[in-house]
PDB file of all heavy atoms in Angstrom:
ATOM      1  N   ARG A   1     -24.654 -74.064   4.895  1.00  0.00           N
ATOM      2  CA  ARG A   1     -24.124 -75.162   5.693  1.00  0.00           C
ATOM      3  C   ARG A   1     -22.706 -75.470   5.227  1.00  0.00           C
ATOM      4  O   ARG A   1     -21.804 -75.683   6.058  1.00  0.00           O
ATOM      5  CB  ARG A   1     -25.011 -76.394   5.569  1.00  0.00           C
ATOM      6  CG  ARG A   1     -24.652 -77.508   6.501  1.00  0.00           C
ATOM      7  CD  ARG A   1     -25.618 -78.700   6.465  1.00  0.00           C
ATOM      8  NE  ARG A   1     -26.991 -78.343   6.242  1.00  0.00           N
ATOM      9  CZ  ARG A   1     -27.709 -78.738   5.162  1.00  0.00           C
ATOM     10  NH1 ARG A   1     -27.165 -79.509   4.283  1.00  0.00           N
ATOM     11  NH2 ARG A   1     -28.959 -78.394   5.032  1.00  0.00           N
ATOM     12  N   MET A   2     -22.442 -75.522   3.927  1.00  0.00           N
ATOM     13  CA  MET A   2     -21.167 -75.829   3.404  1.00  0.00           C
ATOM     14  C   MET A   2     -20.110 -74.775   3.828  1.00  0.00           C
ATOM     15  O   MET A   2     -19.032 -75.126   4.308  1.00  0.00           O
ATOM     16  CB  MET A   2     -21.227 -75.911   1.851  1.00  0.00           C
ATOM     17  CG  MET A   2     -19.916 -76.229   1.187  1.00  0.00           C
ATOM     18  SD  MET A   2     -20.061 -76.289  -0.603  1.00  0.00           S
ATOM     19  CE  MET A   2     -20.350 -74.543  -0.961  1.00  0.00           C
ATOM     20  N   VAL A   3     -20.421 -73.503   3.665  1.00  0.00           N
ATOM     21  CA  VAL A   3     -19.515 -72.440   3.995  1.00  0.00           C
ATOM     22  C   VAL A   3     -19.296 -72.397   5.529  1.00  0.00           C
ATOM     23  O   VAL A   3     -18.147 -72.252   5.984  1.00  0.00           O
ATOM     24  CB  VAL A   3     -20.046 -71.077   3.482  1.00  0.00           C
ATOM     25  CG1 VAL A   3     -19.179 -69.936   4.007  1.00  0.00           C
ATOM     26  CG2 VAL A   3     -20.039 -71.045   1.982  1.00  0.00           C
ATOM     27  N   SER A   4     -20.342 -72.581   6.274  1.00  0.00           N
ATOM     28  CA  SER A   4     -20.248 -72.565   7.751  1.00  0.00           C
ATOM     29  C   SER A   4     -19.326 -73.691   8.244  1.00  0.00           C
ATOM     30  O   SER A   4     -18.463 -73.452   9.070  1.00  0.00           O
ATOM     31  CB  SER A   4     -21.637 -72.708   8.362  1.00  0.00           C
ATOM     32  OG  SER A   4     -21.555 -72.694   9.733  1.00  0.00           O
ATOM     33  N   ASN A   5     -19.505 -74.894   7.690  1.00  0.00           N
ATOM     34  CA  ASN A   5     -18.654 -76.026   8.101  1.00  0.00           C
ATOM     35  C   ASN A   5     -17.223 -75.728   7.729  1.00  0.00           C
ATOM     36  O   ASN A   5     -16.280 -76.020   8.509  1.00  0.00           O
ATOM     37  CB  ASN A   5     -19.130 -77.309   7.432  1.00  0.00           C
ATOM     38  CG  ASN A   5     -20.411 -77.830   8.063  1.00  0.00           C
ATOM     39  OD1 ASN A   5     -20.740 -77.467   9.219  1.00  0.00           O
ATOM     40  ND2 ASN A   5     -21.143 -78.616   7.331  1.00  0.00           N
ATOM     41  N   TYR A   6     -16.991 -75.191   6.560  1.00  0.00           N
ATOM     42  CA  TYR A   6     -15.629 -74.851   6.138  1.00  0.00           C
ATOM     43  C   TYR A   6     -14.950 -73.866   7.063  1.00  0.00           C
ATOM     44  O   TYR A   6     -13.779 -74.074   7.467  1.00  0.00           O
ATOM     45  CB  TYR A   6     -15.656 -74.309   4.703  1.00  0.00           C
ATOM     46  CG  TYR A   6     -14.303 -73.924   4.130  1.00  0.00           C
ATOM     47  CD1 TYR A   6     -13.505 -74.846   3.500  1.00  0.00           C
ATOM     48  CD2 TYR A   6     -13.861 -72.604   4.215  1.00  0.00           C
ATOM     49  CE1 TYR A   6     -12.293 -74.481   2.990  1.00  0.00           C
ATOM     50  CE2 TYR A   6     -12.609 -72.263   3.727  1.00  0.00           C
ATOM     51  CZ  TYR A   6     -11.849 -73.193   3.141  1.00  0.00           C
ATOM     52  OH  TYR A   6     -10.614 -72.836   2.606  1.00  0.00           O
ATOM     53  N   LEU A   7     -15.696 -72.855   7.455  1.00  0.00           N
ATOM     54  CA  LEU A   7     -15.115 -71.842   8.377  1.00  0.00           C
ATOM     55  C   LEU A   7     -14.875 -72.374   9.758  1.00  0.00           C
ATOM     56  O   LEU A   7     -13.832 -72.107  10.377  1.00  0.00           O
ATOM     57  CB  LEU A   7     -16.052 -70.642   8.436  1.00  0.00           C
ATOM     58  CG  LEU A   7     -16.233 -69.860   7.112  1.00  0.00           C
ATOM     59  CD1 LEU A   7     -17.296 -68.780   7.260  1.00  0.00           C
ATOM     60  CD2 LEU A   7     -14.883 -69.240   6.645  1.00  0.00           C
ATOM     61  N   LYS A   8     -15.805 -73.221  10.258  1.00  0.00           N
ATOM     62  CA  LYS A   8     -15.616 -73.846  11.599  1.00  0.00           C
ATOM     63  C   LYS A   8     -14.373 -74.710  11.612  1.00  0.00           C
ATOM     64  O   LYS A   8     -13.629 -74.681  12.626  1.00  0.00           O
ATOM     65  CB  LYS A   8     -16.836 -74.676  11.954  1.00  0.00           C
ATOM     66  CG  LYS A   8     -18.052 -73.909  12.346  1.00  0.00           C
ATOM     67  CD  LYS A   8     -19.225 -74.829  12.645  1.00  0.00           C
ATOM     68  CE  LYS A   8     -20.471 -74.051  12.913  1.00  0.00           C
ATOM     69  NZ  LYS A   8     -21.607 -74.968  13.096  1.00  0.00           N
ATOM     70  N   GLN A   9     -14.106 -75.456  10.567  1.00  0.00           N
ATOM     71  CA  GLN A   9     -12.945 -76.293  10.500  1.00  0.00           C
ATOM     72  C   GLN A   9     -11.645 -75.477  10.537  1.00  0.00           C
ATOM     73  O   GLN A   9     -10.610 -75.992  10.926  1.00  0.00           O
ATOM     74  CB  GLN A   9     -12.960 -77.137   9.225  1.00  0.00           C
ATOM     75  CG  GLN A   9     -13.994 -78.176   9.188  1.00  0.00           C
ATOM     76  CD  GLN A   9     -14.095 -78.865   7.818  1.00  0.00           C
ATOM     77  OE1 GLN A   9     -13.427 -78.512   6.863  1.00  0.00           O
ATOM     78  NE2 GLN A   9     -14.992 -79.833   7.746  1.00  0.00           N
ATOM     79  N   ARG A  10     -11.744 -74.217  10.208  1.00  0.00           N
ATOM     80  CA  ARG A  10     -10.560 -73.338  10.255  1.00  0.00           C
ATOM     81  C   ARG A  10     -10.490 -72.432  11.483  1.00  0.00           C
ATOM     82  O   ARG A  10      -9.749 -71.485  11.538  1.00  0.00           O
ATOM     83  CB  ARG A  10     -10.500 -72.543   8.961  1.00  0.00           C
ATOM     84  CG  ARG A  10      -9.900 -73.374   7.865  1.00  0.00           C
ATOM     85  CD  ARG A  10     -10.573 -73.199   6.544  1.00  0.00           C
ATOM     86  NE  ARG A  10     -10.028 -74.188   5.586  1.00  0.00           N
ATOM     87  CZ  ARG A  10     -10.484 -75.391   5.419  1.00  0.00           C
ATOM     88  NH1 ARG A  10     -11.472 -75.838   6.156  1.00  0.00           N
ATOM     89  NH2 ARG A  10      -9.996 -76.212   4.529  1.00  0.00           N
ATOM     90  N   GLY A  11     -11.315 -72.773  12.469  1.00  0.00           N
ATOM     91  CA  GLY A  11     -11.319 -72.078  13.741  1.00  0.00           C
ATOM     92  C   GLY A  11     -12.048 -70.734  13.772  1.00  0.00           C
ATOM     93  O   GLY A  11     -11.880 -69.991  14.706  1.00  0.00           O
ATOM     94  N   LEU A  12     -12.882 -70.445  12.782  1.00  0.00           N
ATOM     95  CA  LEU A  12     -13.644 -69.222  12.742  1.00  0.00           C
ATOM     96  C   LEU A  12     -15.018 -69.469  13.336  1.00  0.00           C
ATOM     97  O   LEU A  12     -15.453 -70.624  13.562  1.00  0.00           O
ATOM     98  CB  LEU A  12     -13.765 -68.709  11.310  1.00  0.00           C
ATOM     99  CG  LEU A  12     -12.454 -68.446  10.611  1.00  0.00           C
ATOM    100  CD1 LEU A  12     -12.678 -68.114   9.138  1.00  0.00           C
ATOM    101  CD2 LEU A  12     -11.659 -67.376  11.280  1.00  0.00           C
ATOM    102  N   GLU A  13     -15.695 -68.376  13.697  1.00  0.00           N
ATOM    103  CA  GLU A  13     -17.022 -68.469  14.354  1.00  0.00           C
ATOM    104  C   GLU A  13     -18.154 -67.951  13.424  1.00  0.00           C
ATOM    105  O   GLU A  13     -18.509 -66.758  13.435  1.00  0.00           O
ATOM    106  CB  GLU A  13     -17.003 -67.624  15.591  1.00  0.00           C
ATOM    107  CG  GLU A  13     -15.962 -67.993  16.609  1.00  0.00           C
ATOM    108  CD  GLU A  13     -15.854 -66.993  17.746  1.00  0.00           C
ATOM    109  OE1 GLU A  13     -16.917 -66.394  18.123  1.00  0.00           O
ATOM    110  OE2 GLU A  13     -14.771 -66.795  18.214  1.00  0.00           O
ATOM    111  N   PRO A  14     -18.680 -68.839  12.568  1.00  0.00           N
ATOM    112  CA  PRO A  14     -19.742 -68.332  11.670  1.00  0.00           C
ATOM    113  C   PRO A  14     -21.129 -68.275  12.335  1.00  0.00           C
ATOM    114  O   PRO A  14     -21.445 -69.057  13.248  1.00  0.00           O
ATOM    115  CB  PRO A  14     -19.786 -69.427  10.589  1.00  0.00           C
ATOM    116  CG  PRO A  14     -19.274 -70.649  11.258  1.00  0.00           C
ATOM    117  CD  PRO A  14     -18.290 -70.184  12.312  1.00  0.00           C
ATOM    118  N   THR A  15     -21.857 -67.227  11.986  1.00  0.00           N
ATOM    119  CA  THR A  15     -23.242 -67.100  12.323  1.00  0.00           C
ATOM    120  C   THR A  15     -24.025 -67.004  11.003  1.00  0.00           C
ATOM    121  O   THR A  15     -23.517 -66.382  10.055  1.00  0.00           O
ATOM    122  CB  THR A  15     -23.526 -65.838  13.133  1.00  0.00           C
ATOM    123  OG1 THR A  15     -22.727 -65.898  14.312  1.00  0.00           O
ATOM    124  CG2 THR A  15     -24.961 -65.673  13.491  1.00  0.00           C
ATOM    125  N   THR A  16     -25.145 -67.658  10.906  1.00  0.00           N
ATOM    126  CA  THR A  16     -25.876 -67.644   9.627  1.00  0.00           C
ATOM    127  C   THR A  16     -27.202 -66.951   9.753  1.00  0.00           C
ATOM    128  O   THR A  16     -27.891 -67.080  10.761  1.00  0.00           O
ATOM    129  CB  THR A  16     -26.092 -69.075   9.149  1.00  0.00           C
ATOM    130  OG1 THR A  16     -26.814 -69.827  10.098  1.00  0.00           O
ATOM    131  CG2 THR A  16     -24.769 -69.765   8.869  1.00  0.00           C
ATOM    132  N   VAL A  17     -27.562 -66.214   8.737  1.00  0.00           N
ATOM    133  CA  VAL A  17     -28.870 -65.568   8.586  1.00  0.00           C
ATOM    134  C   VAL A  17     -29.340 -65.827   7.160  1.00  0.00           C
ATOM    135  O   VAL A  17     -28.521 -66.087   6.256  1.00  0.00           O
ATOM    136  CB  VAL A  17     -28.816 -64.070   8.929  1.00  0.00           C
ATOM    137  CG1 VAL A  17     -28.481 -63.868  10.371  1.00  0.00           C
ATOM    138  CG2 VAL A  17     -27.827 -63.319   8.056  1.00  0.00           C
ATOM    139  N   PHE A  18     -30.648 -65.723   6.938  1.00  0.00           N
ATOM    140  CA  PHE A  18     -31.208 -66.141   5.669  1.00  0.00           C
ATOM    141  C   PHE A  18     -31.987 -65.072   4.898  1.00  0.00           C
ATOM    142  O   PHE A  18     -32.566 -65.380   3.863  1.00  0.00           O
ATOM    143  CB  PHE A  18     -32.129 -67.354   5.924  1.00  0.00           C
ATOM    144  CG  PHE A  18     -31.352 -68.466   6.551  1.00  0.00           C
ATOM    145  CD1 PHE A  18     -31.476 -68.737   7.940  1.00  0.00           C
ATOM    146  CD2 PHE A  18     -30.492 -69.296   5.811  1.00  0.00           C
ATOM    147  CE1 PHE A  18     -30.743 -69.765   8.545  1.00  0.00           C
ATOM    148  CE2 PHE A  18     -29.766 -70.310   6.433  1.00  0.00           C
ATOM    149  CZ  PHE A  18     -29.904 -70.529   7.770  1.00  0.00           C
ATOM    150  N   ASP A  19     -32.029 -63.851   5.379  1.00  0.00           N
ATOM    151  CA  ASP A  19     -32.634 -62.772   4.613  1.00  0.00           C
ATOM    152  C   ASP A  19     -31.993 -61.437   4.978  1.00  0.00           C
ATOM    153  O   ASP A  19     -31.211 -61.334   5.900  1.00  0.00           O
ATOM    154  CB  ASP A  19     -34.174 -62.784   4.734  1.00  0.00           C
ATOM    155  CG  ASP A  19     -34.673 -62.395   6.138  1.00  0.00           C
ATOM    156  OD1 ASP A  19     -34.157 -61.420   6.753  1.00  0.00           O
ATOM    157  OD2 ASP A  19     -35.580 -63.024   6.623  1.00  0.00           O
ATOM    158  N   GLY A  20     -32.387 -60.431   4.246  1.00  0.00           N
ATOM    159  CA  GLY A  20     -31.779 -59.075   4.430  1.00  0.00           C
ATOM    160  C   GLY A  20     -32.054 -58.459   5.768  1.00  0.00           C
ATOM    161  O   GLY A  20     -31.151 -57.891   6.368  1.00  0.00           O
ATOM    162  N   MET A  21     -33.273 -58.582   6.256  1.00  0.00           N
ATOM    163  CA  MET A  21     -33.586 -57.980   7.570  1.00  0.00           C
ATOM    164  C   MET A  21     -32.798 -58.628   8.692  1.00  0.00           C
ATOM    165  O   MET A  21     -32.303 -57.962   9.586  1.00  0.00           O
ATOM    166  CB  MET A  21     -35.094 -58.077   7.846  1.00  0.00           C
ATOM    167  CG  MET A  21     -35.942 -57.162   6.952  1.00  0.00           C
ATOM    168  SD  MET A  21     -35.439 -55.453   6.957  1.00  0.00           S
ATOM    169  CE  MET A  21     -35.853 -55.012   8.629  1.00  0.00           C
ATOM    170  N   GLN A  22     -32.668 -59.964   8.657  1.00  0.00           N
ATOM    171  CA  GLN A  22     -31.881 -60.682   9.635  1.00  0.00           C
ATOM    172  C   GLN A  22     -30.419 -60.218   9.555  1.00  0.00           C
ATOM    173  O   GLN A  22     -29.772 -60.026  10.623  1.00  0.00           O
ATOM    174  CB  GLN A  22     -31.917 -62.195   9.431  1.00  0.00           C
ATOM    175  CG  GLN A  22     -33.208 -62.832   9.809  1.00  0.00           C
ATOM    176  CD  GLN A  22     -33.206 -64.342   9.515  1.00  0.00           C
ATOM    177  OE1 GLN A  22     -32.360 -64.810   8.766  1.00  0.00           O
ATOM    178  NE2 GLN A  22     -34.049 -65.062  10.192  1.00  0.00           N
ATOM    179  N   THR A  23     -29.918 -60.026   8.381  1.00  0.00           N
ATOM    180  CA  THR A  23     -28.555 -59.546   8.219  1.00  0.00           C
ATOM    181  C   THR A  23     -28.311 -58.236   8.899  1.00  0.00           C
ATOM    182  O   THR A  23     -27.326 -58.099   9.652  1.00  0.00           O
ATOM    183  CB  THR A  23     -28.212 -59.438   6.715  1.00  0.00           C
ATOM    184  OG1 THR A  23     -28.485 -60.688   6.052  1.00  0.00           O
ATOM    185  CG2 THR A  23     -26.723 -59.070   6.500  1.00  0.00           C
ATOM    186  N   LEU A  24     -29.199 -57.275   8.679  1.00  0.00           N
ATOM    187  CA  LEU A  24     -29.030 -55.980   9.317  1.00  0.00           C
ATOM    188  C   LEU A  24     -29.103 -56.091  10.837  1.00  0.00           C
ATOM    189  O   LEU A  24     -28.316 -55.496  11.564  1.00  0.00           O
ATOM    190  CB  LEU A  24     -30.120 -55.008   8.775  1.00  0.00           C
ATOM    191  CG  LEU A  24     -29.958 -54.632   7.327  1.00  0.00           C
ATOM    192  CD1 LEU A  24     -31.178 -53.782   6.854  1.00  0.00           C
ATOM    193  CD2 LEU A  24     -28.672 -53.836   7.090  1.00  0.00           C
ATOM    194  N   MET A  25     -30.076 -56.816  11.312  1.00  0.00           N
ATOM    195  CA  MET A  25     -30.244 -56.990  12.799  1.00  0.00           C
ATOM    196  C   MET A  25     -29.042 -57.648  13.425  1.00  0.00           C
ATOM    197  O   MET A  25     -28.496 -57.154  14.452  1.00  0.00           O
ATOM    198  CB  MET A  25     -31.529 -57.755  13.117  1.00  0.00           C
ATOM    199  CG  MET A  25     -32.796 -57.072  12.804  1.00  0.00           C
ATOM    200  SD  MET A  25     -34.356 -57.900  13.180  1.00  0.00           S
ATOM    201  CE  MET A  25     -33.915 -59.527  13.519  1.00  0.00           C
ATOM    202  N   PHE A  26     -28.576 -58.738  12.840  1.00  0.00           N
ATOM    203  CA  PHE A  26     -27.444 -59.466  13.434  1.00  0.00           C
ATOM    204  C   PHE A  26     -26.146 -58.654  13.312  1.00  0.00           C
ATOM    205  O   PHE A  26     -25.331 -58.701  14.231  1.00  0.00           O
ATOM    206  CB  PHE A  26     -27.286 -60.844  12.792  1.00  0.00           C
ATOM    207  CG  PHE A  26     -28.086 -61.920  13.435  1.00  0.00           C
ATOM    208  CD1 PHE A  26     -29.430 -62.049  13.181  1.00  0.00           C
ATOM    209  CD2 PHE A  26     -27.512 -62.787  14.321  1.00  0.00           C
ATOM    210  CE1 PHE A  26     -30.203 -63.037  13.755  1.00  0.00           C
ATOM    211  CE2 PHE A  26     -28.263 -63.798  14.946  1.00  0.00           C
ATOM    212  CZ  PHE A  26     -29.602 -63.908  14.646  1.00  0.00           C
ATOM    213  N   ALA A  27     -25.946 -57.994  12.216  1.00  0.00           N
ATOM    214  CA  ALA A  27     -24.721 -57.224  12.086  1.00  0.00           C
ATOM    215  C   ALA A  27     -24.633 -56.120  13.098  1.00  0.00           C
ATOM    216  O   ALA A  27     -23.622 -55.890  13.705  1.00  0.00           O
ATOM    217  CB  ALA A  27     -24.679 -56.598  10.655  1.00  0.00           C
ATOM    218  N   ARG A  28     -25.757 -55.460  13.365  1.00  0.00           N
ATOM    219  CA  ARG A  28     -25.783 -54.390  14.354  1.00  0.00           C
ATOM    220  C   ARG A  28     -25.647 -54.930  15.783  1.00  0.00           C
ATOM    221  O   ARG A  28     -25.038 -54.263  16.632  1.00  0.00           O
ATOM    222  CB  ARG A  28     -27.043 -53.560  14.232  1.00  0.00           C
ATOM    223  CG  ARG A  28     -27.072 -52.756  12.917  1.00  0.00           C
ATOM    224  CD  ARG A  28     -28.362 -52.045  12.722  1.00  0.00           C
ATOM    225  NE  ARG A  28     -28.325 -51.288  11.495  1.00  0.00           N
ATOM    226  CZ  ARG A  28     -29.377 -51.203  10.663  1.00  0.00           C
ATOM    227  NH1 ARG A  28     -30.531 -51.765  10.972  1.00  0.00           N
ATOM    228  NH2 ARG A  28     -29.256 -50.508   9.525  1.00  0.00           N
ATOM    229  N   ARG A  29     -26.190 -56.117  15.990  1.00  0.00           N
ATOM    230  CA  ARG A  29     -26.181 -56.653  17.369  1.00  0.00           C
ATOM    231  C   ARG A  29     -24.875 -57.381  17.687  1.00  0.00           C
ATOM    232  O   ARG A  29     -24.360 -57.273  18.813  1.00  0.00           O
ATOM    233  CB  ARG A  29     -27.339 -57.627  17.520  1.00  0.00           C
ATOM    234  CG  ARG A  29     -27.465 -58.164  18.937  1.00  0.00           C
ATOM    235  CD  ARG A  29     -28.720 -58.940  19.165  1.00  0.00           C
ATOM    236  NE  ARG A  29     -29.004 -59.830  18.055  1.00  0.00           N
ATOM    237  CZ  ARG A  29     -30.164 -60.320  17.786  1.00  0.00           C
ATOM    238  NH1 ARG A  29     -31.180 -60.069  18.571  1.00  0.00           N
ATOM    239  NH2 ARG A  29     -30.367 -61.134  16.756  1.00  0.00           N
ATOM    240  N   THR A  30     -24.290 -58.090  16.729  1.00  0.00           N
ATOM    241  CA  THR A  30     -23.117 -58.945  17.011  1.00  0.00           C
ATOM    242  C   THR A  30     -21.797 -58.332  16.534  1.00  0.00           C
ATOM    243  O   THR A  30     -20.764 -58.818  16.942  1.00  0.00           O
ATOM    244  CB  THR A  30     -23.278 -60.347  16.382  1.00  0.00           C
ATOM    245  OG1 THR A  30     -23.287 -60.205  14.977  1.00  0.00           O
ATOM    246  CG2 THR A  30     -24.531 -61.035  16.878  1.00  0.00           C
ATOM    247  N   MET A  31     -21.842 -57.335  15.664  1.00  0.00           N
ATOM    248  CA  MET A  31     -20.656 -56.691  15.169  1.00  0.00           C
ATOM    249  C   MET A  31     -19.621 -57.720  14.672  1.00  0.00           C
ATOM    250  O   MET A  31     -18.505 -57.860  15.223  1.00  0.00           O
ATOM    251  CB  MET A  31     -20.024 -55.793  16.209  1.00  0.00           C
ATOM    252  CG  MET A  31     -20.968 -54.658  16.652  1.00  0.00           C
ATOM    253  SD  MET A  31     -21.547 -53.616  15.283  1.00  0.00           S
ATOM    254  CE  MET A  31     -20.027 -52.876  14.778  1.00  0.00           C
ATOM    255  N   PRO A  32     -19.936 -58.439  13.565  1.00  0.00           N
ATOM    256  CA  PRO A  32     -19.001 -59.474  13.095  1.00  0.00           C
ATOM    257  C   PRO A  32     -17.734 -58.827  12.513  1.00  0.00           C
ATOM    258  O   PRO A  32     -17.718 -57.623  12.200  1.00  0.00           O
ATOM    259  CB  PRO A  32     -19.783 -60.160  11.969  1.00  0.00           C
ATOM    260  CG  PRO A  32     -20.751 -59.087  11.487  1.00  0.00           C
ATOM    261  CD  PRO A  32     -21.116 -58.327  12.731  1.00  0.00           C
ATOM    262  N   ASP A  33     -16.701 -59.609  12.380  1.00  0.00           N
ATOM    263  CA  ASP A  33     -15.439 -59.128  11.798  1.00  0.00           C
ATOM    264  C   ASP A  33     -15.505 -59.015  10.299  1.00  0.00           C
ATOM    265  O   ASP A  33     -14.787 -58.190   9.683  1.00  0.00           O
ATOM    266  CB  ASP A  33     -14.286 -60.043  12.203  1.00  0.00           C
ATOM    267  CG  ASP A  33     -14.091 -60.052  13.704  1.00  0.00           C
ATOM    268  OD1 ASP A  33     -13.855 -58.967  14.303  1.00  0.00           O
ATOM    269  OD2 ASP A  33     -14.158 -61.106  14.311  1.00  0.00           O
ATOM    270  N   VAL A  34     -16.369 -59.838   9.636  1.00  0.00           N
ATOM    271  CA  VAL A  34     -16.544 -59.799   8.229  1.00  0.00           C
ATOM    272  C   VAL A  34     -17.956 -60.361   7.933  1.00  0.00           C
ATOM    273  O   VAL A  34     -18.511 -61.159   8.700  1.00  0.00           O
ATOM    274  CB  VAL A  34     -15.452 -60.626   7.495  1.00  0.00           C
ATOM    275  CG1 VAL A  34     -15.544 -62.076   7.807  1.00  0.00           C
ATOM    276  CG2 VAL A  34     -15.468 -60.388   6.003  1.00  0.00           C
ATOM    277  N   ILE A  35     -18.522 -59.919   6.812  1.00  0.00           N
ATOM    278  CA  ILE A  35     -19.846 -60.402   6.391  1.00  0.00           C
ATOM    279  C   ILE A  35     -19.710 -61.006   4.985  1.00  0.00           C
ATOM    280  O   ILE A  35     -19.140 -60.373   4.081  1.00  0.00           O
ATOM    281  CB  ILE A  35     -20.882 -59.294   6.353  1.00  0.00           C
ATOM    282  CG1 ILE A  35     -21.089 -58.688   7.734  1.00  0.00           C
ATOM    283  CG2 ILE A  35     -22.236 -59.800   5.808  1.00  0.00           C
ATOM    284  CD1 ILE A  35     -21.972 -57.470   7.829  1.00  0.00           C
ATOM    285  N   LEU A  36     -20.203 -62.222   4.819  1.00  0.00           N
ATOM    286  CA  LEU A  36     -20.329 -62.861   3.470  1.00  0.00           C
ATOM    287  C   LEU A  36     -21.781 -62.642   3.052  1.00  0.00           C
ATOM    288  O   LEU A  36     -22.672 -63.201   3.664  1.00  0.00           O
ATOM    289  CB  LEU A  36     -19.971 -64.348   3.561  1.00  0.00           C
ATOM    290  CG  LEU A  36     -18.580 -64.680   4.092  1.00  0.00           C
ATOM    291  CD1 LEU A  36     -18.384 -66.215   4.114  1.00  0.00           C
ATOM    292  CD2 LEU A  36     -17.517 -63.989   3.325  1.00  0.00           C
ATOM    293  N   LEU A  37     -21.983 -61.883   1.998  1.00  0.00           N
ATOM    294  CA  LEU A  37     -23.336 -61.413   1.669  1.00  0.00           C
ATOM    295  C   LEU A  37     -23.765 -61.873   0.311  1.00  0.00           C
ATOM    296  O   LEU A  37     -23.132 -61.596  -0.715  1.00  0.00           O
ATOM    297  CB  LEU A  37     -23.318 -59.853   1.722  1.00  0.00           C
ATOM    298  CG  LEU A  37     -24.636 -59.142   1.355  1.00  0.00           C
ATOM    299  CD1 LEU A  37     -25.724 -59.481   2.361  1.00  0.00           C
ATOM    300  CD2 LEU A  37     -24.390 -57.653   1.358  1.00  0.00           C
ATOM    301  N   ASP A  38     -24.906 -62.571   0.274  1.00  0.00           N
ATOM    302  CA  ASP A  38     -25.546 -62.961  -0.997  1.00  0.00           C
ATOM    303  C   ASP A  38     -26.351 -61.775  -1.500  1.00  0.00           C
ATOM    304  O   ASP A  38     -26.955 -61.027  -0.711  1.00  0.00           O
ATOM    305  CB  ASP A  38     -26.482 -64.166  -0.720  1.00  0.00           C
ATOM    306  CG  ASP A  38     -27.155 -64.662  -1.959  1.00  0.00           C
ATOM    307  OD1 ASP A  38     -26.638 -64.442  -3.088  1.00  0.00           O
ATOM    308  OD2 ASP A  38     -28.210 -65.317  -1.821  1.00  0.00           O
ATOM    309  N   ILE A  39     -26.350 -61.571  -2.770  1.00  0.00           N
ATOM    310  CA  ILE A  39     -27.138 -60.451  -3.374  1.00  0.00           C
ATOM    311  C   ILE A  39     -28.594 -60.794  -3.491  1.00  0.00           C
ATOM    312  O   ILE A  39     -29.442 -59.932  -3.229  1.00  0.00           O
ATOM    313  CB  ILE A  39     -26.536 -60.090  -4.760  1.00  0.00           C
ATOM    314  CG1 ILE A  39     -25.139 -59.491  -4.618  1.00  0.00           C
ATOM    315  CG2 ILE A  39     -27.458 -59.143  -5.520  1.00  0.00           C
ATOM    316  CD1 ILE A  39     -25.109 -58.224  -3.786  1.00  0.00           C
ATOM    317  N   ASN A  40     -28.950 -62.001  -3.850  1.00  0.00           N
ATOM    318  CA  ASN A  40     -30.366 -62.379  -4.100  1.00  0.00           C
ATOM    319  C   ASN A  40     -30.921 -63.037  -2.837  1.00  0.00           C
ATOM    320  O   ASN A  40     -30.768 -64.237  -2.643  1.00  0.00           O
ATOM    321  CB  ASN A  40     -30.459 -63.316  -5.296  1.00  0.00           C
ATOM    322  CG  ASN A  40     -30.045 -62.603  -6.544  1.00  0.00           C
ATOM    323  OD1 ASN A  40     -30.467 -61.521  -6.806  1.00  0.00           O
ATOM    324  ND2 ASN A  40     -29.232 -63.287  -7.339  1.00  0.00           N
ATOM    325  N   MET A  41     -31.590 -62.276  -1.995  1.00  0.00           N
ATOM    326  CA  MET A  41     -32.194 -62.765  -0.773  1.00  0.00           C
ATOM    327  C   MET A  41     -33.600 -62.167  -0.605  1.00  0.00           C
ATOM    328  O   MET A  41     -33.793 -61.021  -1.073  1.00  0.00           O
ATOM    329  CB  MET A  41     -31.369 -62.426   0.471  1.00  0.00           C
ATOM    330  CG  MET A  41     -30.059 -63.101   0.599  1.00  0.00           C
ATOM    331  SD  MET A  41     -29.267 -62.732   2.164  1.00  0.00           S
ATOM    332  CE  MET A  41     -29.032 -60.970   2.093  1.00  0.00           C
TER     333      MET A  41
END
């Protein structure tokens, strides 16, 4: 929530996911410009 709000305030379009499988699915479907990835999920 904190990172997403920060990015929105700067005109970026954040999408959030909460586990590894969601990350793979969303990355392949939405083709983001960059991924911020947590190691422990």
